[in-house]
């Protein structure tokens, strides 16, 4: 589920999305990763009509502990958050709007998972 507020007069945008990931058992190892909730958010401003700068982040929280014969560490659930800058550029290729988005997140508050940096580059096309 996601929602976006955009004010075309100021170029200000706020977006948020909630995602629930359900895992199934790995039949080869009899291990089931626990279900996970992820919340993504961003706040940005279009500096010119096709270029946006902003701040984004995420929070991941495991809702159900891992289970199965390989889950030897007990009732452990992961949690991690991240925050950092983002930029997006939109252009038209033929008649297709294309957006290139770059994000950098510095992770913090990790429990039962790794913590570090996340960099991503995505290309989205509307057709």
N, C-alpha and C. Protein backbone atom coordinates (compact mmCIF):
# COMPACT_ATOMS: atom_id res chain seq x y z
N UNK A 1 0.84 -1.17 0.00
CA UNK A 1 0.00 0.00 0.00
C UNK A 1 0.89 1.23 0.00
N UNK A 2 0.59 2.19 -0.85
CA UNK A 2 1.39 3.40 -0.92
C UNK A 2 0.53 4.63 -1.12
N UNK A 3 1.10 5.77 -0.78
CA UNK A 3 0.40 7.02 -0.93
C UNK A 3 1.41 8.12 -1.26
N UNK A 4 0.99 9.07 -2.09
CA UNK A 4 1.84 10.20 -2.46
C UNK A 4 1.04 11.49 -2.41
N UNK A 5 1.64 12.52 -1.85
CA UNK A 5 1.10 13.87 -1.91
C UNK A 5 2.05 14.69 -2.77
N UNK A 6 1.51 15.39 -3.78
CA UNK A 6 2.33 16.23 -4.65
C UNK A 6 1.63 17.56 -4.85
N UNK A 7 2.37 18.64 -4.62
CA UNK A 7 1.86 19.99 -4.85
C UNK A 7 2.54 20.53 -6.11
N UNK A 8 1.84 20.59 -7.23
CA UNK A 8 2.48 21.04 -8.48
C UNK A 8 2.92 22.50 -8.45
N UNK A 9 2.33 23.31 -7.59
CA UNK A 9 2.72 24.72 -7.51
C UNK A 9 4.11 24.89 -6.89
N UNK A 10 4.40 24.11 -5.85
CA UNK A 10 5.68 24.24 -5.14
C UNK A 10 6.69 23.17 -5.57
N UNK A 11 6.20 22.09 -6.19
CA UNK A 11 7.08 20.98 -6.57
C UNK A 11 7.43 20.07 -5.40
N UNK A 12 6.71 20.21 -4.30
CA UNK A 12 6.96 19.43 -3.08
C UNK A 12 6.20 18.11 -3.14
N UNK A 13 6.89 17.01 -2.76
CA UNK A 13 6.29 15.68 -2.82
C UNK A 13 6.64 14.88 -1.57
N UNK A 14 5.67 14.17 -1.02
CA UNK A 14 5.86 13.24 0.09
C UNK A 14 5.25 11.91 -0.31
N UNK A 15 6.01 10.83 -0.14
CA UNK A 15 5.50 9.50 -0.48
C UNK A 15 5.82 8.53 0.65
N UNK A 16 4.94 7.54 0.80
CA UNK A 16 5.16 6.49 1.78
C UNK A 16 4.52 5.21 1.26
N UNK A 17 5.14 4.08 1.61
CA UNK A 17 4.60 2.78 1.19
C UNK A 17 4.86 1.75 2.27
N UNK A 18 3.89 0.91 2.51
CA UNK A 18 4.03 -0.20 3.43
C UNK A 18 3.97 -1.50 2.65
N UNK A 19 4.90 -2.39 2.94
CA UNK A 19 5.02 -3.65 2.20
C UNK A 19 5.10 -4.78 3.23
N UNK A 20 4.35 -5.86 3.01
CA UNK A 20 4.41 -7.02 3.88
C UNK A 20 4.87 -8.20 3.03
N UNK A 21 5.98 -8.81 3.40
CA UNK A 21 6.57 -9.92 2.64
C UNK A 21 6.34 -11.21 3.41
N UNK A 22 5.69 -12.17 2.76
CA UNK A 22 5.43 -13.47 3.37
C UNK A 22 6.37 -14.50 2.75
N UNK A 23 7.04 -15.24 3.61
CA UNK A 23 8.00 -16.24 3.15
C UNK A 23 7.41 -17.63 3.25
N UNK A 24 7.88 -18.50 2.38
CA UNK A 24 7.48 -19.90 2.38
C UNK A 24 8.69 -20.74 2.77
N UNK A 25 8.47 -21.97 3.09
CA UNK A 25 9.55 -22.85 3.52
C UNK A 25 10.45 -23.23 2.35
N UNK A 26 11.76 -23.20 2.60
CA UNK A 26 12.73 -23.72 1.65
C UNK A 26 12.74 -25.24 1.85
N UNK A 27 12.19 -25.97 0.89
CA UNK A 27 12.04 -27.42 1.06
C UNK A 27 13.37 -28.16 1.09
N UNK A 28 14.41 -27.58 0.52
CA UNK A 28 15.73 -28.23 0.52
C UNK A 28 16.37 -28.18 1.91
N UNK A 29 16.08 -27.11 2.68
CA UNK A 29 16.72 -26.95 4.00
C UNK A 29 15.73 -27.03 5.16
N UNK A 30 14.44 -27.10 4.85
CA UNK A 30 13.39 -27.07 5.87
C UNK A 30 13.50 -25.82 6.75
N UNK A 31 13.87 -24.71 6.12
CA UNK A 31 14.04 -23.43 6.82
C UNK A 31 13.02 -22.44 6.27
N UNK A 32 12.38 -21.72 7.15
CA UNK A 32 11.42 -20.70 6.72
C UNK A 32 11.84 -19.36 7.32
N UNK A 33 12.16 -18.41 6.45
CA UNK A 33 12.45 -17.06 6.92
C UNK A 33 11.15 -16.42 7.39
N UNK A 34 11.21 -15.66 8.47
CA UNK A 34 10.02 -15.03 9.01
C UNK A 34 9.47 -13.94 8.11
N UNK A 35 8.17 -13.71 8.22
CA UNK A 35 7.53 -12.64 7.45
C UNK A 35 8.10 -11.29 7.86
N UNK A 36 8.08 -10.34 6.93
CA UNK A 36 8.77 -9.07 7.10
C UNK A 36 7.86 -7.91 6.72
N UNK A 37 7.87 -6.86 7.53
CA UNK A 37 7.19 -5.61 7.19
C UNK A 37 8.24 -4.58 6.83
N UNK A 38 7.99 -3.86 5.73
CA UNK A 38 8.90 -2.79 5.32
C UNK A 38 8.10 -1.52 5.08
N UNK A 39 8.60 -0.42 5.60
CA UNK A 39 8.00 0.89 5.41
C UNK A 39 9.03 1.76 4.69
N UNK A 40 8.67 2.28 3.52
CA UNK A 40 9.54 3.17 2.74
C UNK A 40 8.92 4.56 2.71
N UNK A 41 9.77 5.58 2.73
CA UNK A 41 9.27 6.95 2.67
C UNK A 41 10.26 7.84 1.93
N UNK A 42 9.73 8.96 1.42
CA UNK A 42 10.60 9.95 0.79
C UNK A 42 9.93 11.32 0.85
N UNK A 43 10.77 12.33 0.91
CA UNK A 43 10.35 13.72 0.86
C UNK A 43 11.25 14.39 -0.16
N UNK A 44 10.65 15.04 -1.15
CA UNK A 44 11.47 15.63 -2.20
C UNK A 44 10.88 16.90 -2.75
N UNK A 45 11.71 17.59 -3.53
CA UNK A 45 11.30 18.83 -4.17
C UNK A 45 11.84 18.84 -5.59
N UNK A 46 10.95 19.14 -6.54
CA UNK A 46 11.37 19.31 -7.93
C UNK A 46 12.03 20.68 -8.05
N UNK A 47 13.31 20.69 -8.37
CA UNK A 47 14.05 21.95 -8.52
C UNK A 47 13.76 22.57 -9.88
N UNK A 48 13.58 21.73 -10.87
CA UNK A 48 13.11 22.09 -12.20
C UNK A 48 12.07 21.03 -12.55
N UNK A 49 11.26 21.22 -13.59
CA UNK A 49 10.16 20.29 -13.83
C UNK A 49 10.52 18.80 -13.92
N UNK A 50 11.74 18.46 -14.30
CA UNK A 50 12.07 17.05 -14.49
C UNK A 50 13.18 16.54 -13.58
N UNK A 51 13.56 17.32 -12.57
CA UNK A 51 14.64 16.91 -11.68
C UNK A 51 14.24 17.13 -10.23
N UNK A 52 14.31 16.05 -9.43
CA UNK A 52 13.90 16.10 -8.03
C UNK A 52 15.05 15.68 -7.13
N UNK A 53 15.25 16.41 -6.03
CA UNK A 53 16.18 16.03 -4.97
C UNK A 53 15.38 15.82 -3.70
N UNK A 54 15.87 14.91 -2.86
CA UNK A 54 15.12 14.69 -1.64
C UNK A 54 15.85 13.79 -0.65
N UNK A 55 15.10 13.34 0.32
CA UNK A 55 15.57 12.48 1.38
C UNK A 55 14.63 11.29 1.45
N UNK A 56 15.20 10.11 1.56
CA UNK A 56 14.38 8.90 1.63
C UNK A 56 14.88 7.99 2.72
N UNK A 57 14.07 6.99 3.02
CA UNK A 57 14.48 6.05 4.03
C UNK A 57 13.58 4.84 4.08
N UNK A 58 13.93 3.93 4.97
CA UNK A 58 13.15 2.71 5.13
C UNK A 58 13.31 2.18 6.54
N UNK A 59 12.37 1.34 6.92
CA UNK A 59 12.41 0.58 8.17
C UNK A 59 11.96 -0.83 7.85
N UNK A 60 12.76 -1.81 8.21
CA UNK A 60 12.39 -3.22 8.06
C UNK A 60 12.28 -3.84 9.44
N UNK A 61 11.20 -4.55 9.66
CA UNK A 61 10.99 -5.25 10.93
C UNK A 61 10.41 -6.62 10.63
N UNK A 62 11.10 -7.64 11.10
CA UNK A 62 10.60 -8.99 10.90
C UNK A 62 9.44 -9.22 11.87
N UNK A 63 8.30 -9.61 11.34
CA UNK A 63 7.09 -9.79 12.15
C UNK A 63 7.01 -11.16 12.79
N UNK A 64 7.62 -12.13 12.17
CA UNK A 64 7.57 -13.51 12.65
C UNK A 64 8.99 -14.08 12.59
N UNK A 65 9.41 -14.75 13.63
CA UNK A 65 10.77 -15.29 13.69
C UNK A 65 10.96 -16.40 12.66
N UNK A 66 12.22 -16.62 12.26
CA UNK A 66 12.56 -17.73 11.39
C UNK A 66 12.19 -19.03 12.09
N UNK A 67 11.90 -20.07 11.31
CA UNK A 67 11.53 -21.35 11.90
C UNK A 67 12.06 -22.49 11.04
N UNK A 68 11.96 -23.69 11.55
CA UNK A 68 12.44 -24.87 10.85
C UNK A 68 13.66 -25.44 11.54
N UNK A 69 14.16 -26.55 11.02
CA UNK A 69 15.27 -27.25 11.67
C UNK A 69 16.56 -26.43 11.67
N UNK A 70 16.72 -25.53 10.71
CA UNK A 70 17.94 -24.73 10.65
C UNK A 70 17.91 -23.49 11.52
N UNK A 71 16.77 -23.14 12.09
CA UNK A 71 16.64 -21.94 12.91
C UNK A 71 17.12 -22.24 14.33
N UNK A 72 18.42 -22.33 14.51
CA UNK A 72 19.00 -22.77 15.78
C UNK A 72 19.23 -21.64 16.78
N UNK A 73 18.99 -20.40 16.38
CA UNK A 73 19.28 -19.27 17.27
C UNK A 73 18.07 -18.79 18.05
N UNK A 74 16.98 -19.49 17.99
CA UNK A 74 15.80 -19.12 18.77
C UNK A 74 14.96 -18.06 18.10
N UNK A 75 14.20 -17.35 18.91
CA UNK A 75 13.20 -16.38 18.43
C UNK A 75 13.87 -15.04 18.08
N UNK A 76 14.63 -15.04 17.01
CA UNK A 76 15.33 -13.83 16.58
C UNK A 76 14.59 -13.21 15.40
N UNK A 77 14.45 -11.90 15.45
CA UNK A 77 13.78 -11.16 14.38
C UNK A 77 14.70 -10.01 13.96
N UNK A 78 14.82 -9.80 12.67
CA UNK A 78 15.67 -8.71 12.21
C UNK A 78 14.96 -7.37 12.29
N UNK A 79 15.76 -6.33 12.44
CA UNK A 79 15.27 -4.96 12.37
C UNK A 79 16.42 -4.11 11.87
N UNK A 80 16.14 -3.23 10.93
CA UNK A 80 17.14 -2.29 10.44
C UNK A 80 16.41 -1.11 9.80
N UNK A 81 17.03 0.05 9.85
CA UNK A 81 16.49 1.25 9.22
C UNK A 81 17.59 1.92 8.42
N UNK A 82 17.21 2.77 7.51
CA UNK A 82 18.18 3.51 6.70
C UNK A 82 17.61 4.85 6.28
N UNK A 83 18.50 5.81 6.05
CA UNK A 83 18.08 7.14 5.61
C UNK A 83 19.20 7.73 4.76
N UNK A 84 18.82 8.55 3.78
CA UNK A 84 19.83 9.20 2.95
C UNK A 84 19.24 9.97 1.79
N UNK A 85 20.12 10.57 0.99
CA UNK A 85 19.68 11.40 -0.13
C UNK A 85 19.21 10.57 -1.32
N UNK A 86 18.40 11.23 -2.14
CA UNK A 86 17.94 10.60 -3.37
C UNK A 86 17.79 11.69 -4.44
N UNK A 87 17.89 11.27 -5.71
CA UNK A 87 17.69 12.19 -6.83
C UNK A 87 16.97 11.44 -7.94
N UNK A 88 16.11 12.15 -8.66
CA UNK A 88 15.37 11.54 -9.77
C UNK A 88 15.36 12.50 -10.95
N UNK A 89 15.52 11.94 -12.13
CA UNK A 89 15.47 12.70 -13.37
C UNK A 89 14.50 12.00 -14.32
N UNK A 90 13.54 12.73 -14.85
CA UNK A 90 12.54 12.17 -15.76
C UNK A 90 12.71 12.80 -17.14
N UNK A 91 12.63 11.95 -18.16
CA UNK A 91 12.71 12.40 -19.54
C UNK A 91 11.80 11.53 -20.39
N UNK A 92 11.59 11.93 -21.63
CA UNK A 92 10.73 11.18 -22.54
C UNK A 92 11.60 10.55 -23.61
N UNK A 93 11.44 9.25 -23.78
CA UNK A 93 12.17 8.48 -24.78
C UNK A 93 11.14 7.97 -25.79
N UNK A 94 11.14 8.57 -26.98
CA UNK A 94 10.04 8.31 -27.90
C UNK A 94 8.80 8.97 -27.33
N UNK A 95 7.78 8.20 -27.03
CA UNK A 95 6.59 8.71 -26.34
C UNK A 95 6.48 8.17 -24.92
N UNK A 96 7.55 7.56 -24.42
CA UNK A 96 7.51 6.88 -23.13
C UNK A 96 8.24 7.70 -22.06
N UNK A 97 7.52 8.10 -20.98
CA UNK A 97 8.19 8.77 -19.87
C UNK A 97 9.10 7.79 -19.12
N UNK A 98 10.34 8.19 -18.90
CA UNK A 98 11.34 7.35 -18.22
C UNK A 98 11.90 8.14 -17.04
N UNK A 99 12.01 7.47 -15.88
CA UNK A 99 12.59 8.10 -14.70
C UNK A 99 13.81 7.30 -14.26
N UNK A 100 14.91 8.00 -14.05
CA UNK A 100 16.13 7.39 -13.49
C UNK A 100 16.25 7.92 -12.06
N UNK A 101 16.34 6.99 -11.09
CA UNK A 101 16.40 7.39 -9.69
C UNK A 101 17.63 6.79 -9.02
N UNK A 102 18.35 7.62 -8.29
CA UNK A 102 19.52 7.18 -7.52
C UNK A 102 19.24 7.42 -6.05
N UNK A 103 19.59 6.41 -5.21
CA UNK A 103 19.39 6.52 -3.77
C UNK A 103 20.64 6.03 -3.04
N UNK A 104 20.91 6.64 -1.91
CA UNK A 104 21.98 6.20 -1.01
C UNK A 104 21.40 6.19 0.41
N UNK A 105 21.45 5.03 1.07
CA UNK A 105 20.97 4.92 2.44
C UNK A 105 22.10 4.50 3.35
N UNK A 106 22.22 5.15 4.49
CA UNK A 106 23.11 4.72 5.56
C UNK A 106 22.24 4.00 6.57
N UNK A 107 22.53 2.73 6.80
CA UNK A 107 21.70 1.92 7.69
C UNK A 107 22.11 2.12 9.14
N UNK A 108 21.14 1.95 10.05
CA UNK A 108 21.40 2.10 11.48
C UNK A 108 20.39 1.26 12.26
N UNK A 109 20.67 1.04 13.53
CA UNK A 109 19.75 0.33 14.41
C UNK A 109 19.56 -1.14 14.08
N UNK A 110 20.54 -1.75 13.44
CA UNK A 110 20.39 -3.14 13.01
C UNK A 110 20.40 -4.11 14.19
N UNK A 111 19.49 -5.06 14.13
CA UNK A 111 19.45 -6.15 15.09
C UNK A 111 19.25 -7.45 14.31
N UNK A 112 20.09 -8.41 14.56
CA UNK A 112 20.00 -9.74 13.94
C UNK A 112 20.10 -9.70 12.42
N UNK A 113 20.84 -8.73 11.89
CA UNK A 113 21.09 -8.63 10.46
C UNK A 113 22.32 -7.74 10.25
N UNK A 114 22.74 -7.63 9.02
CA UNK A 114 23.89 -6.78 8.72
C UNK A 114 23.49 -5.31 8.72
N UNK A 115 24.48 -4.44 8.84
CA UNK A 115 24.27 -3.00 8.80
C UNK A 115 25.37 -2.39 7.96
N UNK A 116 25.02 -1.47 7.09
CA UNK A 116 26.02 -0.84 6.25
C UNK A 116 25.43 0.28 5.43
N UNK A 117 25.71 0.24 4.14
CA UNK A 117 25.24 1.26 3.21
C UNK A 117 24.53 0.57 2.05
N UNK A 118 23.52 1.23 1.53
CA UNK A 118 22.79 0.73 0.37
C UNK A 118 22.80 1.81 -0.70
N UNK A 119 23.20 1.43 -1.88
CA UNK A 119 23.16 2.32 -3.03
C UNK A 119 22.30 1.64 -4.09
N UNK A 120 21.43 2.42 -4.72
CA UNK A 120 20.62 1.82 -5.78
C UNK A 120 20.42 2.81 -6.92
N UNK A 121 20.28 2.26 -8.09
CA UNK A 121 19.98 3.02 -9.30
C UNK A 121 18.87 2.27 -9.99
N UNK A 122 17.73 2.94 -10.22
CA UNK A 122 16.62 2.28 -10.89
C UNK A 122 16.18 3.09 -12.09
N UNK A 123 15.66 2.39 -13.05
CA UNK A 123 15.11 3.00 -14.27
C UNK A 123 13.67 2.53 -14.39
N UNK A 124 12.76 3.46 -14.48
CA UNK A 124 11.33 3.15 -14.57
C UNK A 124 10.76 3.77 -15.83
N UNK A 125 9.92 3.02 -16.49
CA UNK A 125 9.27 3.50 -17.71
C UNK A 125 7.77 3.32 -17.58
N UNK A 126 7.02 4.31 -18.02
CA UNK A 126 5.56 4.24 -18.01
C UNK A 126 5.09 3.94 -19.43
N UNK A 127 4.40 2.80 -19.56
CA UNK A 127 3.90 2.44 -20.90
C UNK A 127 2.57 1.74 -20.81
